[in-house]
Each structure stands twice: as C-alpha cells, then as structure tokens.
Amino acid sequence: MRYLFSLIALLGLVMAGSLPTVAPQRQIEADGAVNDIVLSDDGALIAGTDHGSLQRIDLQSFKVETLLHLPQVKDFMGDKIDDKVFSVDELGGRYLILSDSGQGGFSDLRILENGKVTKLFGAEERHSIVKARFVDKNHILYATLGNEAVLYEIGTGKELYREQLSESKFSDFSMDSRRKRAVFGCESGELTVIETATGKILKRIEKLHVDNVFSVDIRQDWVIAGAQDRRASYYNLSSGEHGYFKSDFLIYAVALSPAAKTAAYAMHDDNSITLYHLDTKTPFALLKGQKSILTRIVFKDETTLFSASHDPSIMLWKIKP
C-alpha cells in the first residue's frame, strides 16, 4: 500500500506540471485579511476579517456590506487593536461570530440576529474557542484549543456534551451539508469523525497524516484533509478507501464540492489550488491568482468555488469538472 501511495503522489506531481490553469473570474475585496468564509442560507457569502468585521457579499451584485464591526480590544501592551474574527457562520438569518477577546487568549462568541448582538461568551468565561458553527438555530458546535468538541444550547446556556477527542492541540473542523457529522483535525495528524447531536465518535482515521492537520472537510461519505506533512489526504467512510497525494508545500486549505466529486487542495508555495477528481484520483485543473497563504476554500456548487487568504482579496472561480 505504501508503494501505491508513492505512485499516486508521483503521478500527481508529474501531471500538475501540465494542468490547465484557471484564473479567478472575479476578485472581491473585504475590509481586511479574511480568516473565514461561509455561504449563507440565502446564497450570499459571509466573511470574517482581521479588521473586526462580519461582512456579507451579495453574489448577484457583488456588493460588500458590513453587518457588524466589533469594538477594538487591547493587546498585551495595552494598545487598542482591531478585534480579529476567527470564524463565522449563518443559519436562517442568525449569524455566529467568534473573535479574540484581547484578554489572556480567551474568546468572545456572539450572535447577530435582526440587528441585535447577543454576547454568549467573553474573557470572563475563560473559553479558548478556536472555531464555532451552528448545528441548528438553537445549538452551536465549537472546538477548544485543547481539542474538545462542545455542543452548546443557546436557549439554556448549557453544554450538552464536552468530548475530549485527543490530547493533541485542535486545528480545524468541518461539518457535512446536513450538519449531522463533523470531522476534526489535530496536531497529531489524527482525524476524528463525530455525530454532532451526541458527540459520539463515529470513526478515528489514523496514519494518513504524521503531523499537524491544518484543514479538513466532509461531504457525502468523503473526508479530506491537508497537513504540515505535505499530504493531501482522502478517506471514504463507507468503503474505507483512502490515500493521499504528496504536495511540495504545506497544505493550509482544502474543500470538497457538494457532491464530493471534486477535491480542492492548496498544495503549492504560489498559493495555487489543485483540483482532483475523487473517483479517479487524478488532478484536472490548477487555480492560480491567490495572493497570500490560503485560509479557506468553499464550494458553492460543482462549478463554482471561493477562496480566501491572509489579505482582503476573496477569489471567485468557475471550473469545468
């Protein structure tokens, strides 16, 4: 099996040199470096920035609207700085904003709905939350720095579960399109799939990675990940089929198309994105034009995706799978 992985990796690198190159169809400017993007229920793109902003991009007019600008926080020297937004989400007109509290490495978690901001957590609660997503309108799944998966009930303010997934530091998680399952990545390279409603561990995926996992995604029964070991991995939860493509750079961002036909990996030091057909495990396009290290890739459908990076430019790409 080790030789098969090596053959696939070599084939991928050889083919990458002659792949069709795709330029971005449009460049959208946020008000700061973009840390997270998601698609809203009504088809808009939602972004969280280093400038402390929650922004909404209408994908018809491409107008950028700032829905919320967070108050500044103080750094360790006592100077006022913009509040960095770590992650965002939207469900049914309700927005979730996770940001830096500016105190002791703890996080602020807020909800914006109908113009009203509700603060769920602040520095006083001493939560080191790294990423948060809605499971439904009344429940939030969040991950702590210590790789705990926590389900929080908004109405009661109670934790319904807190599961320690491993002793390694958390890196990223992603939920499937129904928000029923989530895959977590961590510093050890292990991937853990859980049931979001209960926290039950459905699958531990070991040995695909040997170093810190930076980015994960899950669609249909496919899980993919990118890591510091320069492996772009894939795993099928139904069949057990698995493997990885070898990269020439650290893989900071990955994404799957809604039908899990296409896998996108940021595999090169020029910030390009390589697209693979998952059924044949072959690359078919190279997306070039991103300016900085990628932070997030999101598919709208099988032919449209967006990418964000450590600068204000969000790229819109159109592809032919």
C-alpha atoms as a PDB file:
ATOM      1  CA  MET A   1       0.000   0.000   0.000  1.00  0.00           C
ATOM      2  CA  ARG A   2       2.915   2.342   0.756  1.00  0.00           C
ATOM      3  CA  TYR A   3       4.144   1.916  -2.831  1.00  0.00           C
ATOM      4  CA  LEU A   4       0.667   2.692  -4.170  1.00  0.00           C
ATOM      5  CA  PHE A   5       0.642   5.974  -2.218  1.00  0.00           C
ATOM      6  CA  SER A   6       4.064   6.838  -3.642  1.00  0.00           C
ATOM      7  CA  LEU A   7       2.931   6.072  -7.185  1.00  0.00           C
ATOM      8  CA  ILE A   8      -0.193   8.217  -6.817  1.00  0.00           C
ATOM      9  CA  ALA A   9       1.838  11.073  -5.349  1.00  0.00           C
ATOM     10  CA  LEU A  10       4.430  10.903  -8.138  1.00  0.00           C
ATOM     11  CA  LEU A  11       1.750  10.779 -10.802  1.00  0.00           C
ATOM     12  CA  GLY A  12       0.023  13.783  -9.250  1.00  0.00           C
ATOM     13  CA  LEU A  13       3.193  15.869  -9.203  1.00  0.00           C
ATOM     14  CA  VAL A  14       4.029  14.992 -12.799  1.00  0.00           C
ATOM     15  CA  MET A  15       0.522  15.816 -14.018  1.00  0.00           C
ATOM     16  CA  ALA A  16       0.429  19.069 -12.012  1.00  0.00           C
ATOM     17  CA  GLY A  17       3.131  20.474 -14.261  1.00  0.00           C
ATOM     18  CA  SER A  18       0.859  20.270 -17.314  1.00  0.00           C
ATOM     19  CA  LEU A  19      -2.555  21.001 -15.814  1.00  0.00           C
ATOM     20  CA  PRO A  20      -4.898  23.564 -17.378  1.00  0.00           C
ATOM     21  CA  THR A  21      -4.573  26.842 -15.464  1.00  0.00           C
ATOM     22  CA  VAL A  22      -7.707  28.700 -14.364  1.00  0.00           C
ATOM     23  CA  ALA A  23      -7.690  32.398 -13.445  1.00  0.00           C
ATOM     24  CA  PRO A  24     -10.196  33.849 -10.984  1.00  0.00           C
ATOM     25  CA  GLN A  25     -13.399  35.053 -12.595  1.00  0.00           C
ATOM     26  CA  ARG A  26     -13.762  37.833 -10.036  1.00  0.00           C
ATOM     27  CA  GLN A  27     -11.827  39.358  -7.150  1.00  0.00           C
ATOM     28  CA  ILE A  28     -13.883  40.622  -4.199  1.00  0.00           C
ATOM     29  CA  GLU A  29     -12.328  42.993  -1.665  1.00  0.00           C
ATOM     30  CA  ALA A  30     -13.125  42.642   2.031  1.00  0.00           C
ATOM     31  CA  ASP A  31     -12.024  45.282   4.566  1.00  0.00           C
ATOM     32  CA  GLY A  32      -9.151  43.205   5.955  1.00  0.00           C
ATOM     33  CA  ALA A  33      -7.397  39.861   5.802  1.00  0.00           C
ATOM     34  CA  VAL A  34     -10.056  37.152   5.608  1.00  0.00           C
ATOM     35  CA  ASN A  35      -9.931  34.370   8.202  1.00  0.00           C
ATOM     36  CA  ASP A  36     -13.177  32.554   7.380  1.00  0.00           C
ATOM     37  CA  ILE A  37     -15.891  32.415   4.732  1.00  0.00           C
ATOM     38  CA  VAL A  38     -19.199  30.517   4.604  1.00  0.00           C
ATOM     39  CA  LEU A  39     -22.237  30.502   2.327  1.00  0.00           C
ATOM     40  CA  SER A  40     -25.471  31.766   3.864  1.00  0.00           C
ATOM     41  CA  ASP A  41     -28.888  30.177   3.528  1.00  0.00           C
ATOM     42  CA  ASP A  42     -29.929  32.867   1.043  1.00  0.00           C
ATOM     43  CA  GLY A  43     -26.886  32.312  -1.170  1.00  0.00           C
ATOM     44  CA  ALA A  44     -24.641  35.149  -0.029  1.00  0.00           C
ATOM     45  CA  LEU A  45     -21.016  34.816   1.014  1.00  0.00           C
ATOM     46  CA  ILE A  46     -20.233  35.682   4.646  1.00  0.00           C
ATOM     47  CA  ALA A  47     -16.708  36.708   5.668  1.00  0.00           C
ATOM     48  CA  GLY A  48     -14.921  37.372   8.941  1.00  0.00           C
ATOM     49  CA  THR A  49     -11.858  39.635   8.837  1.00  0.00           C
ATOM     50  CA  ASP A  50      -8.835  40.775  10.825  1.00  0.00           C
ATOM     51  CA  HIS A  51     -10.386  44.238  10.788  1.00  0.00           C
ATOM     52  CA  GLY A  52     -13.037  43.023  13.245  1.00  0.00           C
ATOM     53  CA  SER A  53     -15.783  42.845  10.642  1.00  0.00           C
ATOM     54  CA  LEU A  54     -18.579  40.490   9.700  1.00  0.00           C
ATOM     55  CA  GLN A  55     -19.257  41.139   6.021  1.00  0.00           C
ATOM     56  CA  ARG A  56     -21.907  39.920   3.597  1.00  0.00           C
ATOM     57  CA  ILE A  57     -21.219  39.699  -0.151  1.00  0.00           C
ATOM     58  CA  ASP A  58     -24.245  39.593  -2.436  1.00  0.00           C
ATOM     59  CA  LEU A  59     -23.350  37.147  -5.201  1.00  0.00           C
ATOM     60  CA  GLN A  60     -25.564  38.851  -7.751  1.00  0.00           C
ATOM     61  CA  SER A  61     -24.337  42.439  -7.386  1.00  0.00           C
ATOM     62  CA  PHE A  62     -21.108  41.580  -5.509  1.00  0.00           C
ATOM     63  CA  LYS A  63     -21.829  44.427  -3.144  1.00  0.00           C
ATOM     64  CA  VAL A  64     -19.943  44.093   0.149  1.00  0.00           C
ATOM     65  CA  GLU A  65     -21.989  45.030   3.216  1.00  0.00           C
ATOM     66  CA  THR A  66     -20.557  45.247   6.729  1.00  0.00           C
ATOM     67  CA  LEU A  67     -23.119  43.683   9.053  1.00  0.00           C
ATOM     68  CA  LEU A  68     -21.109  44.174  12.231  1.00  0.00           C
ATOM     69  CA  HIS A  69     -17.864  45.873  13.207  1.00  0.00           C
ATOM     70  CA  LEU A  70     -16.576  44.742  16.585  1.00  0.00           C
ATOM     71  CA  PRO A  71     -15.152  47.199  19.114  1.00  0.00           C
ATOM     72  CA  GLN A  72     -11.386  47.268  19.376  1.00  0.00           C
ATOM     73  CA  VAL A  73      -9.580  45.242  22.020  1.00  0.00           C
ATOM     74  CA  LYS A  74      -6.269  45.804  23.807  1.00  0.00           C
ATOM     75  CA  ASP A  75      -3.119  43.870  23.022  1.00  0.00           C
ATOM     76  CA  PHE A  76      -0.613  42.709  25.644  1.00  0.00           C
ATOM     77  CA  MET A  77       0.996  46.173  25.631  1.00  0.00           C
ATOM     78  CA  GLY A  78      -2.339  47.847  26.320  1.00  0.00           C
ATOM     79  CA  ASP A  79      -2.647  49.360  22.853  1.00  0.00           C
ATOM     80  CA  LYS A  80      -6.004  49.258  21.070  1.00  0.00           C
ATOM     81  CA  ILE A  81      -6.125  46.976  18.034  1.00  0.00           C
ATOM     82  CA  ASP A  82      -8.816  45.595  15.748  1.00  0.00           C
ATOM     83  CA  ASP A  83     -10.613  42.538  17.098  1.00  0.00           C
ATOM     84  CA  LYS A  84      -9.661  39.585  14.904  1.00  0.00           C
ATOM     85  CA  VAL A  85     -12.656  37.475  13.763  1.00  0.00           C
ATOM     86  CA  PHE A  86     -11.641  33.803  13.864  1.00  0.00           C
ATOM     87  CA  SER A  87     -14.753  32.135  12.442  1.00  0.00           C
ATOM     88  CA  VAL A  88     -18.255  32.963  11.222  1.00  0.00           C
ATOM     89  CA  ASP A  89     -21.439  31.109  10.370  1.00  0.00           C
ATOM     90  CA  GLU A  90     -25.016  31.815   9.314  1.00  0.00           C
ATOM     91  CA  LEU A  91     -28.242  29.845   9.616  1.00  0.00           C
ATOM     92  CA  GLY A  92     -31.737  31.145   8.975  1.00  0.00           C
ATOM     93  CA  GLY A  93     -30.747  34.807   9.274  1.00  0.00           C
ATOM     94  CA  ARG A  94     -28.816  34.256  12.521  1.00  0.00           C
ATOM     95  CA  TYR A  95     -25.067  34.989  12.434  1.00  0.00           C
ATOM     96  CA  LEU A  96     -22.372  33.480  14.649  1.00  0.00           C
ATOM     97  CA  ILE A  97     -19.150  35.456  15.251  1.00  0.00           C
ATOM     98  CA  LEU A  98     -16.120  34.078  17.115  1.00  0.00           C
ATOM     99  CA  SER A  99     -13.385  36.601  17.866  1.00  0.00           C
ATOM    100  CA  ASP A 100     -10.424  37.400  20.087  1.00  0.00           C
ATOM    101  CA  SER A 101     -11.369  38.878  23.467  1.00  0.00           C
ATOM    102  CA  GLY A 102      -7.984  40.589  23.774  1.00  0.00           C
ATOM    103  CA  GLN A 103      -7.525  39.058  27.209  1.00  0.00           C
ATOM    104  CA  GLY A 104      -5.402  36.037  28.035  1.00  0.00           C
ATOM    105  CA  GLY A 105      -6.008  34.175  24.787  1.00  0.00           C
ATOM    106  CA  PHE A 106      -9.704  33.748  25.550  1.00  0.00           C
ATOM    107  CA  SER A 107     -12.515  34.125  23.006  1.00  0.00           C
ATOM    108  CA  ASP A 108     -15.671  36.156  22.505  1.00  0.00           C
ATOM    109  CA  LEU A 109     -18.672  34.404  20.965  1.00  0.00           C
ATOM    110  CA  ARG A 110     -21.572  36.492  19.706  1.00  0.00           C
ATOM    111  CA  ILE A 111     -24.829  36.061  17.804  1.00  0.00           C
ATOM    112  CA  LEU A 112     -26.207  38.724  15.477  1.00  0.00           C
ATOM    113  CA  GLU A 113     -29.901  38.482  14.619  1.00  0.00           C
ATOM    114  CA  ASN A 114     -32.293  41.179  13.376  1.00  0.00           C
ATOM    115  CA  GLY A 115     -29.682  43.830  14.099  1.00  0.00           C
ATOM    116  CA  LYS A 116     -29.301  42.765  17.756  1.00  0.00           C
ATOM    117  CA  VAL A 117     -25.998  41.436  19.108  1.00  0.00           C
ATOM    118  CA  THR A 118     -26.023  38.898  21.937  1.00  0.00           C
ATOM    119  CA  LYS A 119     -22.741  38.003  23.608  1.00  0.00           C
ATOM    120  CA  LEU A 120     -22.652  34.360  24.687  1.00  0.00           C
ATOM    121  CA  PHE A 121     -19.072  34.203  25.994  1.00  0.00           C
ATOM    122  CA  GLY A 122     -16.360  36.678  26.862  1.00  0.00           C
ATOM    123  CA  ALA A 123     -12.978  36.661  28.562  1.00  0.00           C
ATOM    124  CA  GLU A 124     -14.647  36.272  31.953  1.00  0.00           C
ATOM    125  CA  GLU A 125     -15.860  32.773  30.974  1.00  0.00           C
ATOM    126  CA  ARG A 126     -12.242  31.861  30.083  1.00  0.00           C
ATOM    127  CA  HIS A 127     -13.074  29.824  26.973  1.00  0.00           C
ATOM    128  CA  SER A 128     -10.262  29.228  24.454  1.00  0.00           C
ATOM    129  CA  ILE A 129     -12.533  28.545  21.487  1.00  0.00           C
ATOM    130  CA  VAL A 130     -10.900  28.260  18.083  1.00  0.00           C
ATOM    131  CA  LYS A 131     -13.845  27.590  15.757  1.00  0.00           C
ATOM    132  CA  ALA A 132     -17.639  27.541  16.043  1.00  0.00           C
ATOM    133  CA  ARG A 133     -20.531  26.545  13.791  1.00  0.00           C
ATOM    134  CA  PHE A 134     -24.311  26.257  14.097  1.00  0.00           C
ATOM    135  CA  VAL A 135     -25.657  22.701  14.280  1.00  0.00           C
ATOM    136  CA  ASP A 136     -29.143  24.180  14.112  1.00  0.00           C
ATOM    137  CA  LYS A 137     -30.615  27.540  15.152  1.00  0.00           C
ATOM    138  CA  ASN A 138     -30.564  26.553  18.824  1.00  0.00           C
ATOM    139  CA  HIS A 139     -27.274  24.671  19.085  1.00  0.00           C
ATOM    140  CA  ILE A 140     -23.624  25.537  18.455  1.00  0.00           C
ATOM    141  CA  LEU A 141     -20.753  23.120  17.993  1.00  0.00           C
ATOM    142  CA  TYR A 142     -17.423  24.611  18.976  1.00  0.00           C
ATOM    143  CA  ALA A 143     -13.864  23.367  19.345  1.00  0.00           C
ATOM    144  CA  THR A 144     -11.416  24.371  22.057  1.00  0.00           C
ATOM    145  CA  LEU A 145      -7.685  24.733  21.710  1.00  0.00           C
ATOM    146  CA  GLY A 146      -7.340  21.503  23.709  1.00  0.00           C
ATOM    147  CA  ASN A 147      -9.270  19.542  21.045  1.00  0.00           C
ATOM    148  CA  GLU A 148     -12.564  19.304  22.869  1.00  0.00           C
ATOM    149  CA  ALA A 149     -15.816  19.161  20.883  1.00  0.00           C
ATOM    150  CA  VAL A 150     -18.564  21.016  22.753  1.00  0.00           C
ATOM    151  CA  LEU A 151     -22.280  21.236  21.952  1.00  0.00           C
ATOM    152  CA  TYR A 152     -23.800  24.398  23.435  1.00  0.00           C
ATOM    153  CA  GLU A 153     -27.541  25.051  23.735  1.00  0.00           C
ATOM    154  CA  ILE A 154     -28.265  28.718  23.076  1.00  0.00           C
ATOM    155  CA  GLY A 155     -31.611  28.973  24.875  1.00  0.00           C
ATOM    156  CA  THR A 156     -30.449  27.496  28.189  1.00  0.00           C
ATOM    157  CA  GLY A 157     -26.749  28.368  28.055  1.00  0.00           C
ATOM    158  CA  LYS A 158     -25.892  24.765  28.883  1.00  0.00           C
ATOM    159  CA  GLU A 159     -23.254  22.441  27.487  1.00  0.00           C
ATOM    160  CA  LEU A 160     -24.984  19.278  26.277  1.00  0.00           C
ATOM    161  CA  TYR A 161     -21.673  17.497  25.914  1.00  0.00           C
ATOM    162  CA  ARG A 162     -17.934  18.152  26.080  1.00  0.00           C
ATOM    163  CA  GLU A 163     -15.876  15.425  24.420  1.00  0.00           C
ATOM    164  CA  GLN A 164     -12.103  15.278  24.650  1.00  0.00           C
ATOM    165  CA  LEU A 165     -11.202  13.920  21.206  1.00  0.00           C
ATOM    166  CA  SER A 166      -7.465  13.550  21.848  1.00  0.00           C
ATOM    167  CA  GLU A 167      -4.621  15.017  23.877  1.00  0.00           C
ATOM    168  CA  SER A 168      -3.293  16.908  20.837  1.00  0.00           C
ATOM    169  CA  LYS A 169      -3.943  20.556  20.047  1.00  0.00           C
ATOM    170  CA  PHE A 170      -7.008  21.245  17.887  1.00  0.00           C
ATOM    171  CA  SER A 171      -6.529  22.589  14.359  1.00  0.00           C
ATOM    172  CA  ASP A 172      -9.773  22.551  12.324  1.00  0.00           C
ATOM    173  CA  PHE A 173     -13.228  21.013  11.993  1.00  0.00           C
ATOM    174  CA  SER A 174     -15.881  20.887   9.305  1.00  0.00           C
ATOM    175  CA  MET A 175     -19.492  19.688   9.232  1.00  0.00           C
ATOM    176  CA  ASP A 176     -21.291  17.888   6.435  1.00  0.00           C
ATOM    177  CA  SER A 177     -24.025  19.664   4.485  1.00  0.00           C
ATOM    178  CA  ARG A 178     -26.767  18.389   6.838  1.00  0.00           C
ATOM    179  CA  ARG A 179     -24.757  19.403   9.920  1.00  0.00           C
ATOM    180  CA  LYS A 180     -25.138  15.846  11.256  1.00  0.00           C
ATOM    181  CA  ARG A 181     -21.474  14.805  11.248  1.00  0.00           C
ATOM    182  CA  ALA A 182     -18.256  16.682  11.810  1.00  0.00           C
ATOM    183  CA  VAL A 183     -14.622  15.822  11.175  1.00  0.00           C
ATOM    184  CA  PHE A 184     -11.938  17.204  13.497  1.00  0.00           C
ATOM    185  CA  GLY A 185      -8.223  17.513  12.773  1.00  0.00           C
ATOM    186  CA  CYS A 186      -5.452  17.981  15.313  1.00  0.00           C
ATOM    187  CA  GLU A 187      -1.723  18.391  15.805  1.00  0.00           C
ATOM    188  CA  SER A 188      -1.012  14.636  15.891  1.00  0.00           C
ATOM    189  CA  GLY A 189      -2.432  14.093  12.388  1.00  0.00           C
ATOM    190  CA  GLU A 190      -5.388  12.024  13.556  1.00  0.00           C
ATOM    191  CA  LEU A 191      -8.827  12.746  12.076  1.00  0.00           C
ATOM    192  CA  THR A 192     -11.933  12.148  14.204  1.00  0.00           C
ATOM    193  CA  VAL A 193     -15.492  11.980  12.853  1.00  0.00           C
ATOM    194  CA  ILE A 194     -18.290  12.590  15.363  1.00  0.00           C
ATOM    195  CA  GLU A 195     -22.068  12.729  15.424  1.00  0.00           C
ATOM    196  CA  THR A 196     -22.874  16.369  16.134  1.00  0.00           C
ATOM    197  CA  ALA A 197     -26.086  15.721  18.110  1.00  0.00           C
ATOM    198  CA  THR A 198     -24.464  13.393  20.653  1.00  0.00           C
ATOM    199  CA  GLY A 199     -20.696  13.777  20.375  1.00  0.00           C
ATOM    200  CA  LYS A 200     -20.403  10.063  19.669  1.00  0.00           C
ATOM    201  CA  ILE A 201     -17.173   9.187  17.880  1.00  0.00           C
ATOM    202  CA  LEU A 202     -18.072   7.509  14.579  1.00  0.00           C
ATOM    203  CA  LYS A 203     -14.573   6.999  13.210  1.00  0.00           C
ATOM    204  CA  ARG A 204     -10.949   7.633  14.080  1.00  0.00           C
ATOM    205  CA  ILE A 205      -8.780   7.906  10.976  1.00  0.00           C
ATOM    206  CA  GLU A 206      -5.153   7.263  11.800  1.00  0.00           C
ATOM    207  CA  LYS A 207      -1.866   7.126   9.882  1.00  0.00           C
ATOM    208  CA  LEU A 208      -3.000   9.187   6.895  1.00  0.00           C
ATOM    209  CA  HIS A 209      -1.089  12.084   8.440  1.00  0.00           C
ATOM    210  CA  VAL A 210       2.017  12.172  10.606  1.00  0.00           C
ATOM    211  CA  ASP A 211       1.976  15.877  11.513  1.00  0.00           C
ATOM    212  CA  ASN A 212      -0.314  18.792  12.264  1.00  0.00           C
ATOM    213  CA  VAL A 213      -3.526  18.850  10.194  1.00  0.00           C
ATOM    214  CA  PHE A 214      -4.349  22.393   9.030  1.00  0.00           C
ATOM    215  CA  SER A 215      -7.651  21.934   7.196  1.00  0.00           C
ATOM    216  CA  VAL A 216     -10.426  19.331   6.858  1.00  0.00           C
ATOM    217  CA  ASP A 217     -13.715  18.871   5.027  1.00  0.00           C
ATOM    218  CA  ILE A 218     -16.505  16.293   4.869  1.00  0.00           C
ATOM    219  CA  ARG A 219     -19.153  15.851   2.160  1.00  0.00           C
ATOM    220  CA  GLN A 220     -21.269  12.789   1.416  1.00  0.00           C
ATOM    221  CA  ASP A 221     -19.084   9.955   2.784  1.00  0.00           C
ATOM    222  CA  TRP A 222     -15.756  11.535   1.854  1.00  0.00           C
ATOM    223  CA  VAL A 223     -13.334  13.145   4.279  1.00  0.00           C
ATOM    224  CA  ILE A 224     -10.304  15.097   3.060  1.00  0.00           C
ATOM    225  CA  ALA A 225      -7.506  16.893   4.884  1.00  0.00           C
ATOM    226  CA  GLY A 226      -4.316  18.877   4.331  1.00  0.00           C
ATOM    227  CA  ALA A 227      -1.402  19.000   6.730  1.00  0.00           C
ATOM    228  CA  GLN A 228       2.105  20.059   7.633  1.00  0.00           C
ATOM    229  CA  ASP A 229       3.404  16.697   6.372  1.00  0.00           C
ATOM    230  CA  ARG A 230       2.542  17.900   2.831  1.00  0.00           C
ATOM    231  CA  ARG A 231      -0.045  15.178   2.367  1.00  0.00           C
ATOM    232  CA  ALA A 232      -3.411  15.905   0.738  1.00  0.00           C
ATOM    233  CA  SER A 233      -5.484  13.008   2.037  1.00  0.00           C
ATOM    234  CA  TYR A 234      -8.830  11.397   1.290  1.00  0.00           C
ATOM    235  CA  TYR A 235     -10.906   8.772   3.123  1.00  0.00           C
ATOM    236  CA  ASN A 236     -14.275   7.207   2.292  1.00  0.00           C
ATOM    237  CA  LEU A 237     -16.311   6.444   5.405  1.00  0.00           C
ATOM    238  CA  SER A 238     -18.416   3.787   3.660  1.00  0.00           C
ATOM    239  CA  SER A 239     -15.802   1.807   1.756  1.00  0.00           C
ATOM    240  CA  GLY A 240     -12.671   2.584   3.737  1.00  0.00           C
ATOM    241  CA  GLU A 241     -10.888   3.657   0.542  1.00  0.00           C
ATOM    242  CA  HIS A 242      -8.086   6.020   1.454  1.00  0.00           C
ATOM    243  CA  GLY A 243      -4.799   7.530   0.378  1.00  0.00           C
ATOM    244  CA  TYR A 244      -3.043  10.808  -0.150  1.00  0.00           C
ATOM    245  CA  PHE A 245      -1.372  12.989  -2.775  1.00  0.00           C
ATOM    246  CA  LYS A 246       2.056  14.350  -1.943  1.00  0.00           C
ATOM    247  CA  SER A 247       2.489  18.120  -2.143  1.00  0.00           C
ATOM    248  CA  ASP A 248       5.556  20.339  -2.467  1.00  0.00           C
ATOM    249  CA  PHE A 249       4.274  22.756   0.211  1.00  0.00           C
ATOM    250  CA  LEU A 250       2.312  22.831   3.472  1.00  0.00           C
ATOM    251  CA  ILE A 251      -1.405  22.370   2.765  1.00  0.00           C
ATOM    252  CA  TYR A 252      -3.295  25.098   4.609  1.00  0.00           C
ATOM    253  CA  ALA A 253      -6.733  24.804   2.975  1.00  0.00           C
ATOM    254  CA  VAL A 254      -8.888  22.037   1.464  1.00  0.00           C
ATOM    255  CA  ALA A 255     -12.510  21.695   0.350  1.00  0.00           C
ATOM    256  CA  LEU A 256     -14.930  19.239  -1.236  1.00  0.00           C
ATOM    257  CA  SER A 257     -17.637  20.047  -3.767  1.00  0.00           C
ATOM    258  CA  PRO A 258     -21.231  19.387  -2.566  1.00  0.00           C
ATOM    259  CA  ALA A 259     -21.468  16.031  -4.390  1.00  0.00           C
ATOM    260  CA  ALA A 260     -17.880  15.176  -3.336  1.00  0.00           C
ATOM    261  CA  LYS A 261     -16.848  14.770  -6.963  1.00  0.00           C
ATOM    262  CA  THR A 262     -14.074  17.362  -6.728  1.00  0.00           C
ATOM    263  CA  ALA A 263     -11.451  17.843  -4.040  1.00  0.00           C
ATOM    264  CA  ALA A 264      -9.557  21.132  -3.809  1.00  0.00           C
ATOM    265  CA  TYR A 265      -6.164  21.342  -2.107  1.00  0.00           C
ATOM    266  CA  ALA A 266      -3.872  24.380  -1.689  1.00  0.00           C
ATOM    267  CA  MET A 267      -0.693  22.429  -2.485  1.00  0.00           C
ATOM    268  CA  HIS A 268       1.954  24.858  -3.722  1.00  0.00           C
ATOM    269  CA  ASP A 269       4.014  27.801  -2.457  1.00  0.00           C
ATOM    270  CA  ASP A 270       2.497  30.109  -5.096  1.00  0.00           C
ATOM    271  CA  ASN A 271      -0.892  29.789  -3.290  1.00  0.00           C
ATOM    272  CA  SER A 272      -2.464  27.919  -6.214  1.00  0.00           C
ATOM    273  CA  ILE A 273      -5.244  25.370  -5.697  1.00  0.00           C
ATOM    274  CA  THR A 274      -5.125  21.919  -7.312  1.00  0.00           C
ATOM    275  CA  LEU A 275      -8.423  20.250  -8.212  1.00  0.00           C
ATOM    276  CA  TYR A 276      -8.753  16.460  -8.230  1.00  0.00           C
ATOM    277  CA  HIS A 277     -11.418  14.087  -9.493  1.00  0.00           C
ATOM    278  CA  LEU A 278     -12.035  11.939  -6.428  1.00  0.00           C
ATOM    279  CA  ASP A 279     -13.316   8.946  -8.395  1.00  0.00           C
ATOM    280  CA  THR A 280     -10.142   8.604 -10.480  1.00  0.00           C
ATOM    281  CA  LYS A 281      -7.750  10.358  -8.045  1.00  0.00           C
ATOM    282  CA  THR A 282      -6.385  12.487 -10.883  1.00  0.00           C
ATOM    283  CA  PRO A 283      -5.752  16.266 -10.944  1.00  0.00           C
ATOM    284  CA  PHE A 284      -7.575  18.207 -13.653  1.00  0.00           C
ATOM    285  CA  ALA A 285      -7.035  21.936 -13.027  1.00  0.00           C
ATOM    286  CA  LEU A 286      -4.825  24.448 -11.277  1.00  0.00           C
ATOM    287  CA  LEU A 287      -6.395  27.634  -9.909  1.00  0.00           C
ATOM    288  CA  LYS A 288      -3.818  30.449  -9.936  1.00  0.00           C
ATOM    289  CA  GLY A 289      -4.166  34.007  -8.724  1.00  0.00           C
ATOM    290  CA  GLN A 290      -4.488  33.956  -4.948  1.00  0.00           C
ATOM    291  CA  LYS A 291      -2.092  36.489  -3.432  1.00  0.00           C
ATOM    292  CA  SER A 292      -1.364  35.088   0.032  1.00  0.00           C
ATOM    293  CA  ILE A 293      -1.474  31.868   2.044  1.00  0.00           C
ATOM    294  CA  LEU A 294      -5.000  30.492   1.888  1.00  0.00           C
ATOM    295  CA  THR A 295      -7.262  30.417   4.928  1.00  0.00           C
ATOM    296  CA  ARG A 296     -10.433  28.872   3.490  1.00  0.00           C
ATOM    297  CA  ILE A 297     -11.899  27.310   0.329  1.00  0.00           C
ATOM    298  CA  VAL A 298     -15.673  26.940  -0.105  1.00  0.00           C
ATOM    299  CA  PHE A 299     -17.640  25.354  -2.966  1.00  0.00           C
ATOM    300  CA  LYS A 300     -20.991  26.913  -3.907  1.00  0.00           C
ATOM    301  CA  ASP A 301     -21.801  24.110  -6.362  1.00  0.00           C
ATOM    302  CA  GLU A 302     -19.928  21.711  -8.641  1.00  0.00           C
ATOM    303  CA  THR A 303     -18.673  24.511 -10.897  1.00  0.00           C
ATOM    304  CA  THR A 304     -18.253  27.478  -8.530  1.00  0.00           C
ATOM    305  CA  LEU A 305     -15.948  27.974  -5.567  1.00  0.00           C
ATOM    306  CA  PHE A 306     -14.466  30.765  -3.471  1.00  0.00           C
ATOM    307  CA  SER A 307     -11.126  31.088  -1.735  1.00  0.00           C
ATOM    308  CA  ALA A 308      -9.858  33.459   0.941  1.00  0.00           C
ATOM    309  CA  SER A 309      -6.375  34.205   2.237  1.00  0.00           C
ATOM    310  CA  HIS A 310      -4.300  36.381   4.560  1.00  0.00           C
ATOM    311  CA  ASP A 311      -5.236  39.505   2.611  1.00  0.00           C
ATOM    312  CA  PRO A 312      -8.531  41.245   1.722  1.00  0.00           C
ATOM    313  CA  SER A 313      -8.978  39.507  -1.676  1.00  0.00           C
ATOM    314  CA  ILE A 314     -11.632  36.781  -1.976  1.00  0.00           C
ATOM    315  CA  MET A 315     -11.459  34.955  -5.305  1.00  0.00           C
ATOM    316  CA  LEU A 316     -14.402  33.567  -7.262  1.00  0.00           C
ATOM    317  CA  TRP A 317     -13.534  30.638  -9.512  1.00  0.00           C
ATOM    318  CA  LYS A 318     -15.548  28.921 -12.252  1.00  0.00           C
ATOM    319  CA  ILE A 319     -14.453  25.418 -13.229  1.00  0.00           C
ATOM    320  CA  LYS A 320     -15.380  22.615 -15.594  1.00  0.00           C
ATOM    321  CA  PRO A 321     -15.140  19.307 -13.657  1.00  0.00           C
END
